[in-house]
Amino acid sequence: MLGARSGLQSKEMVMGEWAKYAGFYAEQPGRTWRSVEDTTHDPIFGARKAKPFASHARGEDYYNEGSLIWLDADMTIRTLSKGKKSLDDFAKAFFGVRNADWGVLTYNFDEIVRTLNAVQPYDWAKFLDTKLRQPGQPAPLNGFELGGYKLVWKEEPNIFDKELMKEGNNFNLTHSLGLTLDKEGRVTSVLWNGPAFKANIVNGTKIVAVNGYAYSKDGLSAAIKAAKGGEKPVRLILERNKRFEQIDIAYSGGLRYPHLETTDKGETAIDRLLRPRRTN
């Protein structure tokens, strides 16, 4: 949000990044058992080491999912106050104390709830408890819906995903085959219970051929598109531990990448949220 407001990032890039989080959390298997609050402990017992199935174990999701939860809070305040209040008012009240004093100022859950209620009365205790402390919750997409946008899926990656893959030199197929690949076609992550998972593909496996042709990113993309809506599987030849194996992945959903699309005509609440502004 600050990137868009300051002009350091384009609105399109910010929306693309939010779309990435929205899409990932909408299909994240680990949500069924682990709360957002519990992911704050991950750096301690996970030691930030690689996980074999990160989508099921979850990681430090309190950062990115937290941004979607606070977006929901902002849009809820704007809706209930008919545009007169926003999360900016909460920030001023919560952080704007003891001016020029950079000392430690502790707080707790109840203080956050009291400050939110002072800005806009609502059952903020239930709102935060449900979204942060309770597992098995749906992805926090309500902020987008209140703000005039919705999550949609397209064959082409959004601008953020596209640049991320370009910079990392990888191929993200999380929402289609359920895996990601490095530049050599080696599997770097597998979505728990996704198509690749069900075909017994694990990290470190290398794709050497697709439908009888040597592996290439374009070739794999074409194979996924060709299988869309039909019964023809995506046929792969894999190399693992110096052994080769041919497998068929029964997937017909096509390429899928998350995007945020406006549902309103004219300027939306999220558009106003991201509008550049100047402070005195």
C-alpha atoms as a PDB file:
ATOM      1  CA  MET A   1       0.000   0.000   0.000  1.00  0.00           C
ATOM      2  CA  LEU A   2       2.778   2.433   0.896  1.00  0.00           C
ATOM      3  CA  GLY A   3       4.548   1.521  -2.326  1.00  0.00           C
ATOM      4  CA  ALA A   4       1.515   2.599  -4.360  1.00  0.00           C
ATOM      5  CA  ARG A   5       0.799   5.720  -2.310  1.00  0.00           C
ATOM      6  CA  SER A   6       4.401   6.916  -2.530  1.00  0.00           C
ATOM      7  CA  GLY A   7       4.750   6.145  -6.229  1.00  0.00           C
ATOM      8  CA  LEU A   8       7.542   3.601  -5.693  1.00  0.00           C
ATOM      9  CA  GLN A   9       5.313   0.910  -7.194  1.00  0.00           C
ATOM     10  CA  SER A  10       2.564   1.118  -9.760  1.00  0.00           C
ATOM     11  CA  LYS A  11      -0.997   0.361  -8.692  1.00  0.00           C
ATOM     12  CA  GLU A  12      -0.985  -2.532 -11.196  1.00  0.00           C
ATOM     13  CA  MET A  13       2.053  -4.081  -9.501  1.00  0.00           C
ATOM     14  CA  VAL A  14       0.524  -3.745  -6.034  1.00  0.00           C
ATOM     15  CA  MET A  15      -2.743  -5.311  -7.190  1.00  0.00           C
ATOM     16  CA  GLY A  16      -0.779  -8.109  -8.837  1.00  0.00           C
ATOM     17  CA  GLU A  17       1.038  -8.855  -5.592  1.00  0.00           C
ATOM     18  CA  TRP A  18      -2.212  -8.861  -3.633  1.00  0.00           C
ATOM     19  CA  ALA A  19      -3.703 -11.172  -6.286  1.00  0.00           C
ATOM     20  CA  LYS A  20      -0.816 -13.583  -5.770  1.00  0.00           C
ATOM     21  CA  TYR A  21      -1.506 -13.749  -2.029  1.00  0.00           C
ATOM     22  CA  ALA A  22      -5.261 -13.987  -2.532  1.00  0.00           C
ATOM     23  CA  GLY A  23      -4.908 -16.853  -5.000  1.00  0.00           C
ATOM     24  CA  PHE A  24      -2.418 -18.734  -2.865  1.00  0.00           C
ATOM     25  CA  TYR A  25      -4.421 -18.472   0.356  1.00  0.00           C
ATOM     26  CA  ALA A  26      -7.626 -19.373  -1.483  1.00  0.00           C
ATOM     27  CA  GLU A  27      -6.121 -22.800  -2.244  1.00  0.00           C
ATOM     28  CA  GLN A  28      -3.657 -23.286   0.618  1.00  0.00           C
ATOM     29  CA  PRO A  29      -4.131 -26.753   2.202  1.00  0.00           C
ATOM     30  CA  GLY A  30      -2.456 -25.804   5.498  1.00  0.00           C
ATOM     31  CA  ARG A  31      -5.303 -23.451   6.374  1.00  0.00           C
ATOM     32  CA  THR A  32      -7.382 -26.432   7.480  1.00  0.00           C
ATOM     33  CA  TRP A  33      -5.243 -27.056  10.562  1.00  0.00           C
ATOM     34  CA  ARG A  34      -3.042 -24.030  11.252  1.00  0.00           C
ATOM     35  CA  SER A  35      -4.127 -20.517  12.215  1.00  0.00           C
ATOM     36  CA  VAL A  36      -2.452 -17.307  11.127  1.00  0.00           C
ATOM     37  CA  GLU A  37      -1.457 -16.599  14.731  1.00  0.00           C
ATOM     38  CA  ASP A  38       0.317 -19.951  14.937  1.00  0.00           C
ATOM     39  CA  THR A  39       2.484 -19.080  11.947  1.00  0.00           C
ATOM     40  CA  THR A  40       4.147 -16.380  14.087  1.00  0.00           C
ATOM     41  CA  HIS A  41       5.950 -19.253  15.850  1.00  0.00           C
ATOM     42  CA  ASP A  42       7.319 -20.651  12.597  1.00  0.00           C
ATOM     43  CA  PRO A  43      10.728 -18.881  12.727  1.00  0.00           C
ATOM     44  CA  ILE A  44      11.310 -20.482  16.136  1.00  0.00           C
ATOM     45  CA  PHE A  45      10.576 -24.147  15.538  1.00  0.00           C
ATOM     46  CA  GLY A  46      10.902 -24.078  11.729  1.00  0.00           C
ATOM     47  CA  ALA A  47      14.238 -22.238  11.869  1.00  0.00           C
ATOM     48  CA  ARG A  48      13.385 -20.880   8.396  1.00  0.00           C
ATOM     49  CA  LYS A  49      14.564 -24.115   6.806  1.00  0.00           C
ATOM     50  CA  ALA A  50      13.020 -25.477   3.619  1.00  0.00           C
ATOM     51  CA  LYS A  51       9.891 -27.606   4.091  1.00  0.00           C
ATOM     52  CA  PRO A  52       9.038 -30.601   1.869  1.00  0.00           C
ATOM     53  CA  PHE A  53       5.398 -29.455   1.588  1.00  0.00           C
ATOM     54  CA  ALA A  54       5.306 -25.805   2.583  1.00  0.00           C
ATOM     55  CA  SER A  55       1.715 -25.352   1.400  1.00  0.00           C
ATOM     56  CA  HIS A  56       0.551 -27.821   4.054  1.00  0.00           C
ATOM     57  CA  ALA A  57       2.951 -26.823   6.822  1.00  0.00           C
ATOM     58  CA  ARG A  58       2.446 -23.070   6.211  1.00  0.00           C
ATOM     59  CA  GLY A  59       5.198 -20.551   6.885  1.00  0.00           C
ATOM     60  CA  GLU A  60       5.338 -16.962   8.098  1.00  0.00           C
ATOM     61  CA  ASP A  61       1.942 -16.155   6.625  1.00  0.00           C
ATOM     62  CA  TYR A  62       1.196 -13.540   9.265  1.00  0.00           C
ATOM     63  CA  TYR A  63       2.974 -11.000   7.051  1.00  0.00           C
ATOM     64  CA  ASN A  64       1.115 -11.380   3.767  1.00  0.00           C
ATOM     65  CA  GLU A  65      -2.155 -12.761   5.061  1.00  0.00           C
ATOM     66  CA  GLY A  66      -2.031 -10.043   7.691  1.00  0.00           C
ATOM     67  CA  SER A  67      -2.095  -7.435   4.932  1.00  0.00           C
ATOM     68  CA  LEU A  68      -5.306  -8.972   3.554  1.00  0.00           C
ATOM     69  CA  ILE A  69      -6.896  -9.023   7.000  1.00  0.00           C
ATOM     70  CA  TRP A  70      -6.069  -5.357   7.593  1.00  0.00           C
ATOM     71  CA  LEU A  71      -7.388  -4.546   4.116  1.00  0.00           C
ATOM     72  CA  ASP A  72     -10.646  -6.192   5.198  1.00  0.00           C
ATOM     73  CA  ALA A  73     -10.618  -4.074   8.376  1.00  0.00           C
ATOM     74  CA  ASP A  74     -10.034  -0.901   6.361  1.00  0.00           C
ATOM     75  CA  MET A  75     -12.825  -1.649   3.892  1.00  0.00           C
ATOM     76  CA  THR A  76     -15.169  -2.587   6.761  1.00  0.00           C
ATOM     77  CA  ILE A  77     -14.494   0.753   8.470  1.00  0.00           C
ATOM     78  CA  ARG A  78     -15.032   2.641   5.208  1.00  0.00           C
ATOM     79  CA  THR A  79     -18.278   0.778   4.531  1.00  0.00           C
ATOM     80  CA  LEU A  80     -19.755   1.220   8.023  1.00  0.00           C
ATOM     81  CA  SER A  81     -18.728   4.883   8.266  1.00  0.00           C
ATOM     82  CA  LYS A  82     -19.943   5.603   4.724  1.00  0.00           C
ATOM     83  CA  GLY A  83     -16.460   6.670   3.707  1.00  0.00           C
ATOM     84  CA  LYS A  84     -15.864   9.066   6.601  1.00  0.00           C
ATOM     85  CA  LYS A  85     -13.316   6.858   8.402  1.00  0.00           C
ATOM     86  CA  SER A  86     -10.590   4.426   7.381  1.00  0.00           C
ATOM     87  CA  LEU A  87      -7.677   2.456   8.789  1.00  0.00           C
ATOM     88  CA  ASP A  88      -5.694   5.696   8.599  1.00  0.00           C
ATOM     89  CA  ASP A  89      -7.761   6.928  11.554  1.00  0.00           C
ATOM     90  CA  PHE A  90      -6.902   3.782  13.501  1.00  0.00           C
ATOM     91  CA  ALA A  91      -3.198   4.210  12.680  1.00  0.00           C
ATOM     92  CA  LYS A  92      -3.220   7.817  13.933  1.00  0.00           C
ATOM     93  CA  ALA A  93      -4.934   6.807  17.156  1.00  0.00           C
ATOM     94  CA  PHE A  94      -2.869   3.665  17.773  1.00  0.00           C
ATOM     95  CA  PHE A  95       0.592   4.790  16.683  1.00  0.00           C
ATOM     96  CA  GLY A  96       0.308   8.564  17.072  1.00  0.00           C
ATOM     97  CA  VAL A  97       1.052   8.679  20.793  1.00  0.00           C
ATOM     98  CA  ARG A  98       3.997   9.980  22.815  1.00  0.00           C
ATOM     99  CA  ASN A  99       5.186  12.121  19.911  1.00  0.00           C
ATOM    100  CA  ALA A 100       8.985  12.089  19.394  1.00  0.00           C
ATOM    101  CA  ASP A 101       9.396   9.303  21.959  1.00  0.00           C
ATOM    102  CA  TRP A 102      10.944   6.260  20.271  1.00  0.00           C
ATOM    103  CA  GLY A 103      10.875   4.130  23.405  1.00  0.00           C
ATOM    104  CA  VAL A 104       9.121   0.793  23.714  1.00  0.00           C
ATOM    105  CA  LEU A 105       5.337   1.030  24.008  1.00  0.00           C
ATOM    106  CA  THR A 106       3.723  -2.360  24.504  1.00  0.00           C
ATOM    107  CA  TYR A 107       0.139  -3.268  23.641  1.00  0.00           C
ATOM    108  CA  ASN A 108      -2.213  -6.246  23.723  1.00  0.00           C
ATOM    109  CA  PHE A 109      -5.185  -7.662  21.844  1.00  0.00           C
ATOM    110  CA  ASP A 110      -7.754  -5.761  23.920  1.00  0.00           C
ATOM    111  CA  GLU A 111      -6.082  -2.420  23.257  1.00  0.00           C
ATOM    112  CA  ILE A 112      -6.239  -2.995  19.500  1.00  0.00           C
ATOM    113  CA  VAL A 113      -9.929  -3.872  19.788  1.00  0.00           C
ATOM    114  CA  ARG A 114     -10.664  -0.772  21.915  1.00  0.00           C
ATOM    115  CA  THR A 115      -8.904   1.525  19.463  1.00  0.00           C
ATOM    116  CA  LEU A 116     -10.720   0.029  16.472  1.00  0.00           C
ATOM    117  CA  ASN A 117     -14.051   0.410  18.267  1.00  0.00           C
ATOM    118  CA  ALA A 118     -13.280   4.030  19.066  1.00  0.00           C
ATOM    119  CA  VAL A 119     -12.782   4.647  15.332  1.00  0.00           C
ATOM    120  CA  GLN A 120     -15.774   2.579  14.185  1.00  0.00           C
ATOM    121  CA  PRO A 121     -18.005   0.457  16.458  1.00  0.00           C
ATOM    122  CA  TYR A 122     -18.052  -3.175  15.344  1.00  0.00           C
ATOM    123  CA  ASP A 123     -17.402  -6.626  16.819  1.00  0.00           C
ATOM    124  CA  TRP A 124     -13.664  -6.286  16.239  1.00  0.00           C
ATOM    125  CA  ALA A 125     -12.822  -8.877  18.900  1.00  0.00           C
ATOM    126  CA  LYS A 126     -14.685 -11.565  16.952  1.00  0.00           C
ATOM    127  CA  PHE A 127     -13.329 -10.238  13.639  1.00  0.00           C
ATOM    128  CA  LEU A 128      -9.690 -10.514  14.745  1.00  0.00           C
ATOM    129  CA  ASP A 129     -10.101 -13.693  16.788  1.00  0.00           C
ATOM    130  CA  THR A 130     -11.745 -15.535  13.893  1.00  0.00           C
ATOM    131  CA  LYS A 131      -9.315 -14.445  11.210  1.00  0.00           C
ATOM    132  CA  LEU A 132      -6.124 -14.668  13.256  1.00  0.00           C
ATOM    133  CA  ARG A 133      -6.615 -17.321  15.916  1.00  0.00           C
ATOM    134  CA  GLN A 134      -8.966 -19.877  14.382  1.00  0.00           C
ATOM    135  CA  PRO A 135      -7.803 -22.506  11.854  1.00  0.00           C
ATOM    136  CA  GLY A 136     -10.006 -23.692   9.018  1.00  0.00           C
ATOM    137  CA  GLN A 137     -10.933 -20.206   7.888  1.00  0.00           C
ATOM    138  CA  PRO A 138     -11.449 -19.246   4.229  1.00  0.00           C
ATOM    139  CA  ALA A 139      -8.958 -16.916   2.602  1.00  0.00           C
ATOM    140  CA  PRO A 140      -9.538 -13.303   3.724  1.00  0.00           C
ATOM    141  CA  LEU A 141     -10.940 -11.980   0.445  1.00  0.00           C
ATOM    142  CA  ASN A 142     -13.709  -9.849   1.937  1.00  0.00           C
ATOM    143  CA  GLY A 143     -11.571  -6.706   1.757  1.00  0.00           C
ATOM    144  CA  PHE A 144     -11.377  -7.007  -2.015  1.00  0.00           C
ATOM    145  CA  GLU A 145     -15.106  -7.619  -2.319  1.00  0.00           C
ATOM    146  CA  LEU A 146     -15.981  -4.622  -0.126  1.00  0.00           C
ATOM    147  CA  GLY A 147     -13.419  -2.562  -2.033  1.00  0.00           C
ATOM    148  CA  GLY A 148     -14.853  -3.269  -5.478  1.00  0.00           C
ATOM    149  CA  TYR A 149     -12.673  -6.138  -6.701  1.00  0.00           C
ATOM    150  CA  LYS A 150     -12.863  -9.921  -7.023  1.00  0.00           C
ATOM    151  CA  LEU A 151     -10.379 -12.764  -7.453  1.00  0.00           C
ATOM    152  CA  VAL A 152     -10.413 -14.298 -10.940  1.00  0.00           C
ATOM    153  CA  TRP A 153      -8.219 -16.816 -12.754  1.00  0.00           C
ATOM    154  CA  LYS A 154      -6.555 -16.335 -16.142  1.00  0.00           C
ATOM    155  CA  GLU A 155      -4.108 -18.259 -18.342  1.00  0.00           C
ATOM    156  CA  GLU A 156      -1.523 -15.486 -18.296  1.00  0.00           C
ATOM    157  CA  PRO A 157       0.258 -14.518 -15.056  1.00  0.00           C
ATOM    158  CA  ASN A 158      -0.400 -11.095 -13.565  1.00  0.00           C
ATOM    159  CA  ILE A 159       2.377  -8.509 -13.758  1.00  0.00           C
ATOM    160  CA  PHE A 160       3.746  -9.345 -10.298  1.00  0.00           C
ATOM    161  CA  ASP A 161       3.886 -13.101 -10.889  1.00  0.00           C
ATOM    162  CA  LYS A 162       5.417 -12.522 -14.314  1.00  0.00           C
ATOM    163  CA  GLU A 163       8.209 -10.340 -12.942  1.00  0.00           C
ATOM    164  CA  LEU A 164       8.748 -12.688  -9.987  1.00  0.00           C
ATOM    165  CA  MET A 165       9.239 -15.662 -12.305  1.00  0.00           C
ATOM    166  CA  LYS A 166      11.515 -13.623 -14.537  1.00  0.00           C
ATOM    167  CA  GLU A 167      13.672 -12.474 -11.637  1.00  0.00           C
ATOM    168  CA  GLY A 168      13.801 -15.914 -10.025  1.00  0.00           C
ATOM    169  CA  ASN A 169      14.209 -17.715 -13.360  1.00  0.00           C
ATOM    170  CA  ASN A 170      11.535 -20.237 -12.396  1.00  0.00           C
ATOM    171  CA  PHE A 171       8.156 -21.476 -13.590  1.00  0.00           C
ATOM    172  CA  ASN A 172       5.233 -21.284 -11.177  1.00  0.00           C
ATOM    173  CA  LEU A 173       2.481 -23.825 -11.898  1.00  0.00           C
ATOM    174  CA  THR A 174       1.111 -23.961  -8.353  1.00  0.00           C
ATOM    175  CA  HIS A 175      -2.498 -23.401  -9.412  1.00  0.00           C
ATOM    176  CA  SER A 176      -2.439 -25.832 -12.338  1.00  0.00           C
ATOM    177  CA  LEU A 177      -0.129 -28.859 -12.073  1.00  0.00           C
ATOM    178  CA  GLY A 178       0.547 -27.960  -8.446  1.00  0.00           C
ATOM    179  CA  LEU A 179       4.315 -27.456  -8.617  1.00  0.00           C
ATOM    180  CA  THR A 180       7.072 -24.958  -9.322  1.00  0.00           C
ATOM    181  CA  LEU A 181      10.163 -25.589 -11.435  1.00  0.00           C
ATOM    182  CA  ASP A 182      13.612 -24.042 -11.711  1.00  0.00           C
ATOM    183  CA  LYS A 183      15.182 -23.059 -15.023  1.00  0.00           C
ATOM    184  CA  GLU A 184      16.345 -26.653 -15.648  1.00  0.00           C
ATOM    185  CA  GLY A 185      12.886 -28.156 -15.110  1.00  0.00           C
ATOM    186  CA  ARG A 186      13.684 -29.412 -11.624  1.00  0.00           C
ATOM    187  CA  VAL A 187      10.825 -29.426  -9.105  1.00  0.00           C
ATOM    188  CA  THR A 188      11.361 -26.957  -6.255  1.00  0.00           C
ATOM    189  CA  SER A 189       7.964 -27.180  -4.534  1.00  0.00           C
ATOM    190  CA  VAL A 190       4.835 -29.352  -4.710  1.00  0.00           C
ATOM    191  CA  LEU A 191       1.333 -28.312  -3.671  1.00  0.00           C
ATOM    192  CA  TRP A 192      -0.047 -30.683  -1.041  1.00  0.00           C
ATOM    193  CA  ASN A 193      -2.762 -32.895  -2.544  1.00  0.00           C
ATOM    194  CA  GLY A 194      -2.434 -31.199  -5.964  1.00  0.00           C
ATOM    195  CA  PRO A 195      -2.144 -33.021  -9.312  1.00  0.00           C
ATOM    196  CA  ALA A 196       1.652 -33.399  -9.087  1.00  0.00           C
ATOM    197  CA  PHE A 197       1.394 -34.589  -5.475  1.00  0.00           C
ATOM    198  CA  LYS A 198      -1.146 -37.238  -6.473  1.00  0.00           C
ATOM    199  CA  ALA A 199       1.239 -38.382  -9.217  1.00  0.00           C
ATOM    200  CA  ASN A 200       3.948 -38.930  -6.545  1.00  0.00           C
ATOM    201  CA  ILE A 201       6.176 -36.098  -7.770  1.00  0.00           C
ATOM    202  CA  VAL A 202       8.477 -34.712  -5.068  1.00  0.00           C
ATOM    203  CA  ASN A 203      11.053 -31.949  -4.755  1.00  0.00           C
ATOM    204  CA  GLY A 204      14.252 -32.622  -6.675  1.00  0.00           C
ATOM    205  CA  THR A 205      12.526 -34.528  -9.472  1.00  0.00           C
ATOM    206  CA  LYS A 206      13.523 -33.286 -12.936  1.00  0.00           C
ATOM    207  CA  ILE A 207      11.161 -33.148 -15.898  1.00  0.00           C
ATOM    208  CA  VAL A 208      13.149 -34.237 -18.946  1.00  0.00           C
ATOM    209  CA  ALA A 209      10.342 -34.604 -21.512  1.00  0.00           C
ATOM    210  CA  VAL A 210       6.751 -33.473 -22.057  1.00  0.00           C
ATOM    211  CA  ASN A 211       4.441 -35.426 -24.389  1.00  0.00           C
ATOM    212  CA  GLY A 212       7.460 -37.022 -26.062  1.00  0.00           C
ATOM    213  CA  TYR A 213       9.513 -33.831 -26.539  1.00  0.00           C
ATOM    214  CA  ALA A 214      12.468 -32.521 -24.540  1.00  0.00           C
ATOM    215  CA  TYR A 215      11.362 -30.321 -21.666  1.00  0.00           C
ATOM    216  CA  SER A 216      10.888 -26.618 -22.215  1.00  0.00           C
ATOM    217  CA  LYS A 217       8.749 -24.059 -20.440  1.00  0.00           C
ATOM    218  CA  ASP A 218       6.802 -23.331 -23.615  1.00  0.00           C
ATOM    219  CA  GLY A 219       6.336 -27.031 -24.315  1.00  0.00           C
ATOM    220  CA  LEU A 220       4.922 -27.707 -20.867  1.00  0.00           C
ATOM    221  CA  SER A 221       2.620 -24.684 -21.147  1.00  0.00           C
ATOM    222  CA  ALA A 222       1.347 -25.958 -24.516  1.00  0.00           C
ATOM    223  CA  ALA A 223       0.721 -29.426 -23.084  1.00  0.00           C
ATOM    224  CA  ILE A 224      -1.312 -28.016 -20.174  1.00  0.00           C
ATOM    225  CA  LYS A 225      -3.365 -25.896 -22.573  1.00  0.00           C
ATOM    226  CA  ALA A 226      -3.915 -28.872 -24.909  1.00  0.00           C
ATOM    227  CA  ALA A 227      -5.236 -30.995 -22.038  1.00  0.00           C
ATOM    228  CA  LYS A 228      -7.710 -28.337 -20.874  1.00  0.00           C
ATOM    229  CA  GLY A 229     -11.304 -29.528 -20.718  1.00  0.00           C
ATOM    230  CA  GLY A 230     -10.496 -32.955 -22.132  1.00  0.00           C
ATOM    231  CA  GLU A 231      -9.456 -36.415 -21.016  1.00  0.00           C
ATOM    232  CA  LYS A 232      -5.936 -36.347 -22.448  1.00  0.00           C
ATOM    233  CA  PRO A 233      -3.360 -36.301 -19.620  1.00  0.00           C
ATOM    234  CA  VAL A 234      -0.112 -34.352 -19.471  1.00  0.00           C
ATOM    235  CA  ARG A 235       2.537 -37.020 -20.104  1.00  0.00           C
ATOM    236  CA  LEU A 236       5.924 -36.469 -18.497  1.00  0.00           C
ATOM    237  CA  ILE A 237       9.219 -38.311 -18.372  1.00  0.00           C
ATOM    238  CA  LEU A 238      10.882 -37.709 -15.017  1.00  0.00           C
ATOM    239  CA  GLU A 239      14.396 -38.254 -13.715  1.00  0.00           C
ATOM    240  CA  ARG A 240      14.937 -38.942 -10.029  1.00  0.00           C
ATOM    241  CA  ASN A 241      17.970 -40.502  -8.409  1.00  0.00           C
ATOM    242  CA  LYS A 242      19.349 -41.399 -11.870  1.00  0.00           C
ATOM    243  CA  ARG A 243      16.199 -43.355 -12.705  1.00  0.00           C
ATOM    244  CA  PHE A 244      13.658 -42.429 -15.372  1.00  0.00           C
ATOM    245  CA  GLU A 245       9.902 -42.819 -15.166  1.00  0.00           C
ATOM    246  CA  GLN A 246       6.977 -41.927 -17.407  1.00  0.00           C
ATOM    247  CA  ILE A 247       3.857 -40.647 -15.674  1.00  0.00           C
ATOM    248  CA  ASP A 248       0.535 -39.237 -16.792  1.00  0.00           C
ATOM    249  CA  ILE A 249      -0.918 -36.334 -14.799  1.00  0.00           C
ATOM    250  CA  ALA A 250      -4.707 -36.302 -14.973  1.00  0.00           C
ATOM    251  CA  TYR A 251      -5.221 -32.549 -15.062  1.00  0.00           C
ATOM    252  CA  SER A 252      -7.561 -30.674 -17.406  1.00  0.00           C
ATOM    253  CA  GLY A 253      -7.950 -27.265 -15.790  1.00  0.00           C
ATOM    254  CA  GLY A 254      -5.528 -25.352 -18.007  1.00  0.00           C
ATOM    255  CA  LEU A 255      -3.053 -22.708 -16.902  1.00  0.00           C
ATOM    256  CA  ARG A 256      -4.320 -20.714 -13.904  1.00  0.00           C
ATOM    257  CA  TYR A 257      -2.926 -17.510 -12.443  1.00  0.00           C
ATOM    258  CA  PRO A 258      -4.698 -15.210  -9.953  1.00  0.00           C
ATOM    259  CA  HIS A 259      -5.819 -11.688 -10.898  1.00  0.00           C
ATOM    260  CA  LEU A 260      -7.939  -9.032  -9.212  1.00  0.00           C
ATOM    261  CA  GLU A 261     -10.682  -7.611 -11.393  1.00  0.00           C
ATOM    262  CA  THR A 262     -12.885  -4.625 -10.607  1.00  0.00           C
ATOM    263  CA  THR A 263     -16.578  -5.232 -10.019  1.00  0.00           C
ATOM    264  CA  ASP A 264     -17.604  -1.574  -9.939  1.00  0.00           C
ATOM    265  CA  LYS A 265     -17.867   1.154 -12.511  1.00  0.00           C
ATOM    266  CA  GLY A 266     -15.663   4.146 -11.846  1.00  0.00           C
ATOM    267  CA  GLU A 267     -13.315   4.583  -8.896  1.00  0.00           C
ATOM    268  CA  THR A 268     -13.527   1.936  -6.167  1.00  0.00           C
ATOM    269  CA  ALA A 269     -12.723   2.109  -2.454  1.00  0.00           C
ATOM    270  CA  ILE A 270      -9.459   0.243  -3.081  1.00  0.00           C
ATOM    271  CA  ASP A 271      -8.588   2.712  -5.837  1.00  0.00           C
ATOM    272  CA  ARG A 272      -9.015   5.505  -3.295  1.00  0.00           C
ATOM    273  CA  LEU A 273      -6.972   3.567  -0.735  1.00  0.00           C
ATOM    274  CA  LEU A 274      -4.017   3.308  -3.124  1.00  0.00           C
ATOM    275  CA  ARG A 275      -4.289   6.848  -4.459  1.00  0.00           C
ATOM    276  CA  PRO A 276      -1.020   8.809  -4.064  1.00  0.00           C
ATOM    277  CA  ARG A 277      -1.132  11.304  -1.240  1.00  0.00           C
ATOM    278  CA  ARG A 278       0.997  13.979   0.314  1.00  0.00           C
ATOM    279  CA  THR A 279       1.504  14.501   4.023  1.00  0.00           C
ATOM    280  CA  ASN A 280       2.604  17.696   5.738  1.00  0.00           C
END
